[in-house]
Amino acid sequence: VQLQASGGGLVQAGGSLRLSCAASGLTFSRAAVGWFRQAPGKERELVARIFGGSTNYADSVKGRFTISRDNAKNTVYLQMNSLKPEDTAVYYCNLRQYGMDYWGKGTQVTVSS
């Protein structure tokens, strides 16, 4: 299983970024997919997850971030709007299937004030 994340970068507060994560090596449509993030000195936390028709978000990103998936492209997206400096972190995509967790390498998102 391989996960390739992209789309991170440096953006000013209030700006937007879209992260993408392309998966290979598994039946993507049957997997729960999500995004986590880890800021310096903090534990990794769930940002958003989508499985079937259901989504869930961390309270800190509700109304600003949107997770979506394209099963035909084996890709999960995270649209991030109204970014804040506290969103600065390394973002990781995650796939969970049959009790197994798979992680991408992470992509840095930096939001300047």
C-alpha atoms as a PDB file:
ATOM      1  CA  VAL A   1       0.000   0.000   0.000  1.00  0.00           C
ATOM      2  CA  GLN A   2       1.321   3.426  -0.937  1.00  0.00           C
ATOM      3  CA  LEU A   3      -0.075   6.826  -0.067  1.00  0.00           C
ATOM      4  CA  GLN A   4       1.266   9.946  -1.731  1.00  0.00           C
ATOM      5  CA  ALA A   5       0.221  13.239  -0.211  1.00  0.00           C
ATOM      6  CA  SER A   6       0.673  16.629  -1.829  1.00  0.00           C
ATOM      7  CA  GLY A   7      -0.590  20.180  -1.660  1.00  0.00           C
ATOM      8  CA  GLY A   8       0.998  21.551   1.474  1.00  0.00           C
ATOM      9  CA  GLY A   9       2.809  24.842   1.596  1.00  0.00           C
ATOM     10  CA  LEU A  10       3.027  28.300   3.114  1.00  0.00           C
ATOM     11  CA  VAL A  11      -0.068  30.472   3.188  1.00  0.00           C
ATOM     12  CA  GLN A  12      -1.173  33.607   4.991  1.00  0.00           C
ATOM     13  CA  ALA A  13      -3.883  33.481   7.615  1.00  0.00           C
ATOM     14  CA  GLY A  14      -7.287  33.506   5.973  1.00  0.00           C
ATOM     15  CA  GLY A  15      -5.991  31.732   2.905  1.00  0.00           C
ATOM     16  CA  SER A  16      -6.784  28.310   1.474  1.00  0.00           C
ATOM     17  CA  LEU A  17      -4.989  25.135   0.524  1.00  0.00           C
ATOM     18  CA  ARG A  18      -6.127  21.808  -0.852  1.00  0.00           C
ATOM     19  CA  LEU A  19      -4.359  18.637   0.123  1.00  0.00           C
ATOM     20  CA  SER A  20      -4.515  15.492  -1.985  1.00  0.00           C
ATOM     21  CA  CYS A  21      -3.592  11.927  -1.172  1.00  0.00           C
ATOM     22  CA  ALA A  22      -3.425   9.279  -3.869  1.00  0.00           C
ATOM     23  CA  ALA A  23      -3.558   5.649  -2.795  1.00  0.00           C
ATOM     24  CA  SER A  24      -2.503   2.445  -4.472  1.00  0.00           C
ATOM     25  CA  GLY A  25      -2.311  -1.190  -3.521  1.00  0.00           C
ATOM     26  CA  LEU A  26      -5.695  -1.622  -1.885  1.00  0.00           C
ATOM     27  CA  THR A  27      -9.413  -1.437  -2.566  1.00  0.00           C
ATOM     28  CA  PHE A  28      -9.726   2.272  -1.939  1.00  0.00           C
ATOM     29  CA  SER A  29     -13.502   2.453  -2.115  1.00  0.00           C
ATOM     30  CA  ARG A  30     -13.825   0.115   0.877  1.00  0.00           C
ATOM     31  CA  ALA A  31     -11.431   2.024   3.106  1.00  0.00           C
ATOM     32  CA  ALA A  32     -12.089   4.701   5.657  1.00  0.00           C
ATOM     33  CA  VAL A  33      -9.904   7.632   4.700  1.00  0.00           C
ATOM     34  CA  GLY A  34      -8.875  10.623   6.697  1.00  0.00           C
ATOM     35  CA  TRP A  35      -6.415  13.347   7.514  1.00  0.00           C
ATOM     36  CA  PHE A  36      -4.473  13.769  10.718  1.00  0.00           C
ATOM     37  CA  ARG A  37      -2.038  16.465  11.715  1.00  0.00           C
ATOM     38  CA  GLN A  38       0.797  16.875  14.137  1.00  0.00           C
ATOM     39  CA  ALA A  39       2.128  20.203  15.311  1.00  0.00           C
ATOM     40  CA  PRO A  40       5.540  20.531  16.982  1.00  0.00           C
ATOM     41  CA  GLY A  41       5.405  19.262  20.538  1.00  0.00           C
ATOM     42  CA  LYS A  42       1.879  17.953  20.174  1.00  0.00           C
ATOM     43  CA  GLU A  43       0.311  14.578  19.586  1.00  0.00           C
ATOM     44  CA  ARG A  44      -1.070  13.592  16.228  1.00  0.00           C
ATOM     45  CA  GLU A  45      -4.763  14.405  16.016  1.00  0.00           C
ATOM     46  CA  LEU A  46      -7.623  13.543  13.724  1.00  0.00           C
ATOM     47  CA  VAL A  47      -8.643  16.389  11.448  1.00  0.00           C
ATOM     48  CA  ALA A  48     -11.299  14.746   9.298  1.00  0.00           C
ATOM     49  CA  ARG A  49     -12.408  11.332   8.192  1.00  0.00           C
ATOM     50  CA  ILE A  50     -14.801   9.957   5.598  1.00  0.00           C
ATOM     51  CA  PHE A  51     -16.238   6.457   5.377  1.00  0.00           C
ATOM     52  CA  GLY A  52     -19.157   5.548   3.219  1.00  0.00           C
ATOM     53  CA  GLY A  53     -21.426   8.527   3.254  1.00  0.00           C
ATOM     54  CA  SER A  54     -20.358   9.788   6.646  1.00  0.00           C
ATOM     55  CA  THR A  55     -17.824  12.417   7.576  1.00  0.00           C
ATOM     56  CA  ASN A  56     -16.539  13.657  10.887  1.00  0.00           C
ATOM     57  CA  TYR A  57     -14.353  16.610  11.730  1.00  0.00           C
ATOM     58  CA  ALA A  58     -12.361  17.912  14.640  1.00  0.00           C
ATOM     59  CA  ASP A  59     -14.236  20.741  16.321  1.00  0.00           C
ATOM     60  CA  SER A  60     -11.380  23.107  15.551  1.00  0.00           C
ATOM     61  CA  VAL A  61     -11.856  22.758  11.782  1.00  0.00           C
ATOM     62  CA  LYS A  62     -15.622  22.417  11.432  1.00  0.00           C
ATOM     63  CA  GLY A  63     -16.998  24.891   8.949  1.00  0.00           C
ATOM     64  CA  ARG A  64     -13.543  25.603   7.497  1.00  0.00           C
ATOM     65  CA  PHE A  65     -12.267  22.261   6.210  1.00  0.00           C
ATOM     66  CA  THR A  66     -13.982  19.808   3.882  1.00  0.00           C
ATOM     67  CA  ILE A  67     -12.918  16.230   3.247  1.00  0.00           C
ATOM     68  CA  SER A  68     -13.904  14.463   0.067  1.00  0.00           C
ATOM     69  CA  ARG A  69     -12.898  11.415  -1.934  1.00  0.00           C
ATOM     70  CA  ASP A  70     -12.840  10.337  -5.547  1.00  0.00           C
ATOM     71  CA  ASN A  71     -12.963   6.560  -5.634  1.00  0.00           C
ATOM     72  CA  ALA A  72     -12.359   6.500  -9.377  1.00  0.00           C
ATOM     73  CA  LYS A  73      -9.023   8.237  -8.776  1.00  0.00           C
ATOM     74  CA  ASN A  74      -8.222   6.515  -5.465  1.00  0.00           C
ATOM     75  CA  THR A  75      -7.735   9.957  -3.998  1.00  0.00           C
ATOM     76  CA  VAL A  76      -8.844  11.768  -0.862  1.00  0.00           C
ATOM     77  CA  TYR A  77      -8.833  15.551  -0.593  1.00  0.00           C
ATOM     78  CA  LEU A  78      -8.849  18.069   2.206  1.00  0.00           C
ATOM     79  CA  GLN A  79     -10.004  21.550   1.265  1.00  0.00           C
ATOM     80  CA  MET A  80      -8.820  23.963   3.929  1.00  0.00           C
ATOM     81  CA  ASN A  81     -10.282  27.464   4.009  1.00  0.00           C
ATOM     82  CA  SER A  82      -9.935  30.363   6.427  1.00  0.00           C
ATOM     83  CA  LEU A  83      -6.653  28.945   7.608  1.00  0.00           C
ATOM     84  CA  LYS A  84      -5.298  30.029  10.968  1.00  0.00           C
ATOM     85  CA  PRO A  85      -1.756  29.994  12.363  1.00  0.00           C
ATOM     86  CA  GLU A  86      -2.832  27.213  14.735  1.00  0.00           C
ATOM     87  CA  ASP A  87      -3.489  25.007  11.702  1.00  0.00           C
ATOM     88  CA  THR A  88       0.262  24.875  11.141  1.00  0.00           C
ATOM     89  CA  ALA A  89       1.331  21.233  11.271  1.00  0.00           C
ATOM     90  CA  VAL A  90       2.445  18.269   9.252  1.00  0.00           C
ATOM     91  CA  TYR A  91      -0.647  16.719   7.711  1.00  0.00           C
ATOM     92  CA  TYR A  92      -0.856  12.975   7.172  1.00  0.00           C
ATOM     93  CA  CYS A  93      -3.349  11.022   5.158  1.00  0.00           C
ATOM     94  CA  ASN A  94      -4.605   7.791   6.649  1.00  0.00           C
ATOM     95  CA  LEU A  95      -6.411   4.787   5.269  1.00  0.00           C
ATOM     96  CA  ARG A  96      -7.983   2.207   7.509  1.00  0.00           C
ATOM     97  CA  GLN A  97      -9.141  -1.109   6.133  1.00  0.00           C
ATOM     98  CA  TYR A  98      -9.759  -4.474   7.791  1.00  0.00           C
ATOM     99  CA  GLY A  99      -8.253  -3.210  11.013  1.00  0.00           C
ATOM    100  CA  MET A 100      -5.037  -2.016   9.377  1.00  0.00           C
ATOM    101  CA  ASP A 101      -3.841   1.584   9.338  1.00  0.00           C
ATOM    102  CA  TYR A 102      -1.791   2.971   6.467  1.00  0.00           C
ATOM    103  CA  TRP A 103      -0.054   6.352   6.558  1.00  0.00           C
ATOM    104  CA  GLY A 104       1.344   8.740   4.010  1.00  0.00           C
ATOM    105  CA  LYS A 105       4.630  10.555   4.618  1.00  0.00           C
ATOM    106  CA  GLY A 106       3.058  13.837   5.530  1.00  0.00           C
ATOM    107  CA  THR A 107       2.970  17.258   3.989  1.00  0.00           C
ATOM    108  CA  GLN A 108       3.838  20.485   5.791  1.00  0.00           C
ATOM    109  CA  VAL A 109       1.237  23.222   6.101  1.00  0.00           C
ATOM    110  CA  THR A 110       2.445  26.541   7.484  1.00  0.00           C
ATOM    111  CA  VAL A 111       0.063  29.421   8.102  1.00  0.00           C
ATOM    112  CA  SER A 112       1.639  32.796   8.755  1.00  0.00           C
ATOM    113  CA  SER A 113      -0.090  35.502  10.765  1.00  0.00           C
END
